[in-house]
N, C-alpha and C. Protein backbone atom coordinates (compact mmCIF):
# COMPACT_ATOMS: atom_id res chain seq x y z
N MET A 1 108.48 93.17 81.02
CA MET A 1 107.97 92.57 82.23
C MET A 1 106.60 93.18 82.52
N THR A 2 105.63 92.34 82.77
CA THR A 2 104.29 92.80 83.09
C THR A 2 103.89 92.29 84.46
N ALA A 3 103.32 93.17 85.26
CA ALA A 3 102.90 92.77 86.60
C ALA A 3 101.67 91.89 86.51
N ALA A 4 101.69 90.83 87.26
CA ALA A 4 100.55 89.90 87.28
C ALA A 4 99.54 90.34 88.33
N ALA A 5 98.30 90.01 88.08
CA ALA A 5 97.25 90.28 89.06
C ALA A 5 97.43 89.35 90.25
N PRO A 6 96.90 89.72 91.41
CA PRO A 6 97.01 88.82 92.55
C PRO A 6 96.41 87.47 92.20
N GLY A 7 97.06 86.46 92.60
CA GLY A 7 96.58 85.12 92.30
C GLY A 7 96.88 84.22 93.46
N PRO A 8 96.77 82.93 93.22
CA PRO A 8 97.08 82.01 94.30
C PRO A 8 98.54 82.19 94.70
N GLY A 9 98.76 82.18 95.92
CA GLY A 9 100.12 82.31 96.47
C GLY A 9 100.01 82.24 97.97
N PHE A 10 101.14 82.16 98.62
CA PHE A 10 101.07 82.00 100.07
C PHE A 10 100.62 83.25 100.79
N LEU A 11 100.47 84.38 100.08
CA LEU A 11 99.92 85.60 100.69
C LEU A 11 98.49 85.89 100.23
N ALA A 12 97.87 84.92 99.56
CA ALA A 12 96.48 85.11 99.12
C ALA A 12 95.62 85.39 100.35
N GLY A 13 94.75 86.40 100.24
CA GLY A 13 93.89 86.78 101.35
C GLY A 13 94.47 87.86 102.23
N VAL A 14 95.74 88.21 102.02
CA VAL A 14 96.39 89.27 102.81
C VAL A 14 96.14 90.60 102.12
N LYS A 15 95.68 91.60 102.89
CA LYS A 15 95.46 92.95 102.35
C LYS A 15 96.59 93.85 102.83
N VAL A 16 97.16 94.60 101.88
CA VAL A 16 98.28 95.50 102.17
C VAL A 16 97.86 96.91 101.80
N LEU A 17 98.09 97.86 102.69
CA LEU A 17 97.88 99.27 102.38
C LEU A 17 99.25 99.88 102.15
N ASP A 18 99.48 100.40 100.96
CA ASP A 18 100.75 101.02 100.61
C ASP A 18 100.60 102.53 100.72
N ARG A 19 101.25 103.10 101.72
CA ARG A 19 101.26 104.56 101.90
C ARG A 19 102.65 105.11 101.61
N GLY A 20 103.48 104.30 100.96
CA GLY A 20 104.86 104.68 100.70
C GLY A 20 105.04 105.37 99.36
N HIS A 21 106.23 105.90 99.17
CA HIS A 21 106.60 106.59 97.93
C HIS A 21 107.99 106.12 97.53
N GLY A 22 108.25 106.11 96.26
CA GLY A 22 109.57 105.79 95.76
C GLY A 22 109.79 104.32 95.49
N MET A 23 111.03 104.02 95.12
CA MET A 23 111.39 102.68 94.69
C MET A 23 111.20 101.61 95.76
N PRO A 24 111.64 101.78 97.02
CA PRO A 24 111.48 100.70 98.00
C PRO A 24 110.02 100.28 98.20
N ALA A 25 109.12 101.24 98.34
CA ALA A 25 107.70 100.91 98.54
C ALA A 25 107.11 100.27 97.29
N ALA A 26 107.46 100.79 96.12
CA ALA A 26 106.93 100.24 94.87
C ALA A 26 107.38 98.80 94.66
N LEU A 27 108.65 98.53 94.93
CA LEU A 27 109.16 97.16 94.76
C LEU A 27 108.55 96.21 95.78
N LEU A 28 108.39 96.65 97.01
CA LEU A 28 107.79 95.80 98.03
C LEU A 28 106.34 95.48 97.65
N SER A 29 105.59 96.47 97.22
CA SER A 29 104.21 96.24 96.79
C SER A 29 104.17 95.26 95.62
N PHE A 30 105.06 95.44 94.67
CA PHE A 30 105.13 94.57 93.50
C PHE A 30 105.38 93.12 93.93
N LEU A 31 106.35 92.92 94.82
CA LEU A 31 106.69 91.56 95.26
C LEU A 31 105.55 90.93 96.08
N LEU A 32 104.94 91.71 96.96
CA LEU A 32 103.82 91.18 97.74
C LEU A 32 102.65 90.79 96.84
N ARG A 33 102.40 91.60 95.81
CA ARG A 33 101.33 91.30 94.85
C ARG A 33 101.67 90.02 94.08
N GLN A 34 102.93 89.84 93.72
CA GLN A 34 103.35 88.63 93.01
C GLN A 34 103.15 87.38 93.87
N MET A 35 103.19 87.55 95.18
CA MET A 35 103.00 86.43 96.11
C MET A 35 101.54 86.24 96.49
N GLY A 36 100.64 87.03 95.88
CA GLY A 36 99.21 86.81 96.08
C GLY A 36 98.50 87.83 96.94
N ALA A 37 99.22 88.79 97.52
CA ALA A 37 98.57 89.79 98.37
C ALA A 37 97.77 90.78 97.52
N ARG A 38 96.76 91.35 98.11
CA ARG A 38 95.97 92.42 97.49
C ARG A 38 96.54 93.74 98.00
N VAL A 39 97.04 94.58 97.09
CA VAL A 39 97.69 95.84 97.47
C VAL A 39 96.76 97.00 97.18
N LEU A 40 96.43 97.76 98.23
CA LEU A 40 95.63 98.98 98.12
C LEU A 40 96.60 100.14 98.30
N ARG A 41 96.54 101.11 97.41
CA ARG A 41 97.51 102.20 97.46
C ARG A 41 96.84 103.52 97.73
N GLU A 42 97.33 104.19 98.77
CA GLU A 42 96.91 105.57 99.02
C GLU A 42 97.81 106.46 98.18
N MET A 43 97.23 107.23 97.29
CA MET A 43 98.00 108.06 96.38
C MET A 43 98.54 109.30 97.08
N PRO A 44 99.69 109.82 96.61
CA PRO A 44 100.22 111.08 97.13
C PRO A 44 99.23 112.21 96.88
N LEU A 45 99.38 113.29 97.62
CA LEU A 45 98.48 114.44 97.48
C LEU A 45 98.56 115.03 96.07
N ALA A 46 99.76 115.11 95.53
CA ALA A 46 99.95 115.60 94.16
C ALA A 46 100.18 114.37 93.27
N ASP A 47 100.46 114.59 92.01
CA ASP A 47 100.79 113.48 91.13
C ASP A 47 101.98 112.72 91.70
N ASP A 48 102.05 111.45 91.41
CA ASP A 48 103.15 110.62 91.90
C ASP A 48 104.47 111.13 91.31
N PRO A 49 105.38 111.60 92.15
CA PRO A 49 106.62 112.20 91.64
C PRO A 49 107.61 111.20 91.06
N PHE A 50 107.37 109.91 91.18
CA PHE A 50 108.37 108.93 90.79
C PHE A 50 108.10 108.26 89.46
N VAL A 51 106.97 108.55 88.85
CA VAL A 51 106.62 107.91 87.58
C VAL A 51 107.69 108.16 86.53
N ASP A 52 108.23 109.36 86.48
CA ASP A 52 109.23 109.69 85.47
C ASP A 52 110.67 109.57 85.98
N VAL A 53 110.85 109.18 87.24
CA VAL A 53 112.20 109.08 87.81
C VAL A 53 112.80 107.70 87.55
N TYR A 54 112.02 106.65 87.77
CA TYR A 54 112.51 105.28 87.61
C TYR A 54 111.88 104.66 86.37
N PRO A 55 112.68 104.15 85.42
CA PRO A 55 112.13 103.59 84.19
C PRO A 55 111.10 102.48 84.40
N ALA A 56 111.26 101.66 85.43
CA ALA A 56 110.36 100.51 85.64
C ALA A 56 109.23 100.82 86.62
N TYR A 57 109.12 102.05 87.07
CA TYR A 57 108.17 102.40 88.12
C TYR A 57 106.73 102.05 87.76
N ARG A 58 106.31 102.33 86.54
CA ARG A 58 104.93 102.02 86.13
C ARG A 58 104.66 100.52 86.23
N THR A 59 105.64 99.71 85.86
CA THR A 59 105.50 98.25 85.95
C THR A 59 105.35 97.82 87.40
N TRP A 60 106.16 98.40 88.29
CA TRP A 60 106.08 98.03 89.71
C TRP A 60 104.72 98.38 90.29
N ARG A 61 104.12 99.46 89.82
CA ARG A 61 102.85 99.95 90.37
C ARG A 61 101.63 99.36 89.67
N GLU A 62 101.83 98.64 88.57
CA GLU A 62 100.71 98.02 87.85
C GLU A 62 100.00 97.05 88.77
N GLY A 63 98.71 97.15 88.86
CA GLY A 63 97.96 96.22 89.69
C GLY A 63 97.62 96.76 91.07
N ASP A 64 98.24 97.88 91.48
CA ASP A 64 97.87 98.50 92.75
C ASP A 64 96.43 99.00 92.62
N GLU A 65 95.61 98.71 93.61
CA GLU A 65 94.25 99.22 93.61
C GLU A 65 94.25 100.59 94.29
N ARG A 66 93.41 101.49 93.81
CA ARG A 66 93.31 102.84 94.38
C ARG A 66 91.90 103.04 94.92
N PRO A 67 91.66 102.63 96.14
CA PRO A 67 90.29 102.70 96.70
C PRO A 67 89.89 104.13 97.05
N ASP A 68 88.59 104.36 97.07
CA ASP A 68 88.04 105.66 97.47
C ASP A 68 87.62 105.65 98.94
N THR A 69 88.00 104.62 99.65
CA THR A 69 87.63 104.44 101.05
C THR A 69 88.42 105.41 101.93
N PRO A 70 87.80 106.00 102.94
CA PRO A 70 88.54 106.87 103.87
C PRO A 70 89.69 106.10 104.54
N LEU A 71 90.78 106.82 104.81
CA LEU A 71 91.98 106.20 105.36
C LEU A 71 91.70 105.43 106.65
N ALA A 72 90.92 105.97 107.54
CA ALA A 72 90.64 105.29 108.82
C ALA A 72 89.98 103.93 108.57
N ASP A 73 89.09 103.86 107.60
CA ASP A 73 88.44 102.59 107.27
C ASP A 73 89.43 101.62 106.65
N LEU A 74 90.31 102.13 105.79
CA LEU A 74 91.33 101.26 105.18
C LEU A 74 92.24 100.67 106.25
N MET A 75 92.68 101.52 107.17
CA MET A 75 93.59 101.06 108.22
C MET A 75 92.95 99.96 109.06
N ALA A 76 91.64 100.01 109.22
CA ALA A 76 90.95 99.01 110.04
C ALA A 76 90.83 97.67 109.34
N GLU A 77 90.91 97.66 108.01
CA GLU A 77 90.66 96.41 107.29
C GLU A 77 91.90 95.74 106.71
N VAL A 78 93.07 96.37 106.78
CA VAL A 78 94.27 95.77 106.18
C VAL A 78 95.07 94.98 107.21
N ASP A 79 95.90 94.07 106.69
CA ASP A 79 96.77 93.25 107.53
C ASP A 79 98.16 93.85 107.67
N VAL A 80 98.60 94.55 106.63
CA VAL A 80 99.96 95.10 106.57
C VAL A 80 99.87 96.52 106.04
N CYS A 81 100.72 97.41 106.56
CA CYS A 81 100.78 98.78 106.05
C CYS A 81 102.23 99.12 105.74
N ILE A 82 102.48 99.62 104.55
CA ILE A 82 103.82 100.03 104.13
C ILE A 82 103.92 101.54 104.28
N PHE A 83 104.92 101.98 105.04
CA PHE A 83 105.24 103.40 105.18
C PHE A 83 106.67 103.57 104.71
N TRP A 84 106.91 104.42 103.75
CA TRP A 84 108.28 104.72 103.34
C TRP A 84 108.31 106.12 102.80
N ARG A 85 109.07 106.98 103.45
CA ARG A 85 109.19 108.37 102.99
C ARG A 85 110.66 108.75 102.78
N GLY A 86 111.57 107.86 103.09
CA GLY A 86 112.99 108.18 102.98
C GLY A 86 113.50 107.95 101.57
N GLY A 87 114.68 108.45 101.29
CA GLY A 87 115.34 108.21 100.02
C GLY A 87 114.64 108.85 98.84
N LEU A 88 113.98 109.96 99.08
CA LEU A 88 113.24 110.61 98.00
C LEU A 88 114.19 111.39 97.10
N PRO A 89 114.08 111.22 95.79
CA PRO A 89 114.92 112.03 94.90
C PRO A 89 114.44 113.47 94.93
N ARG A 90 115.34 114.38 94.77
CA ARG A 90 114.98 115.80 94.76
C ARG A 90 114.49 116.15 93.36
N CYS A 91 113.25 116.49 93.25
CA CYS A 91 112.69 116.93 91.98
C CYS A 91 111.53 117.87 92.30
N ALA A 92 111.09 118.62 91.32
CA ALA A 92 110.00 119.58 91.55
C ALA A 92 108.74 118.87 92.04
N ALA A 93 108.49 117.69 91.52
CA ALA A 93 107.29 116.95 91.91
C ALA A 93 107.36 116.57 93.38
N HIS A 94 108.54 116.30 93.89
CA HIS A 94 108.71 115.93 95.29
C HIS A 94 108.17 117.02 96.21
N ASP A 95 108.49 118.25 95.91
CA ASP A 95 108.05 119.36 96.75
C ASP A 95 106.54 119.52 96.72
N ARG A 96 105.90 119.30 95.56
CA ARG A 96 104.44 119.38 95.47
C ARG A 96 103.78 118.26 96.25
N CYS A 97 104.41 117.10 96.26
CA CYS A 97 103.82 115.91 96.89
C CYS A 97 103.73 116.07 98.40
N PHE A 98 104.68 116.74 99.01
CA PHE A 98 104.73 116.80 100.47
C PHE A 98 104.44 118.17 101.04
N ASP A 99 103.81 119.04 100.27
CA ASP A 99 103.43 120.37 100.79
C ASP A 99 102.27 120.24 101.75
């Protein structure tokens, strides 16, 4: 399965800021992107702790844009913001991510 780039869809023109971590946020971003939304992802402070936890995680995250724009500016320009911090698997990377 390969993630498609944003294309025509009923969410075309919608900007999403993904500030979430883990499977729920990744799947929601993936589905919104499939429906045409543009997904901008704010990366965790450390390496993403979930890349090696879920086998399909890289596929779900394919196509997420990683802007260098300051967070305050991003928040002003997006239509939707995803926040998800629950359900985190316990792993060494998790502790680095939220220090």
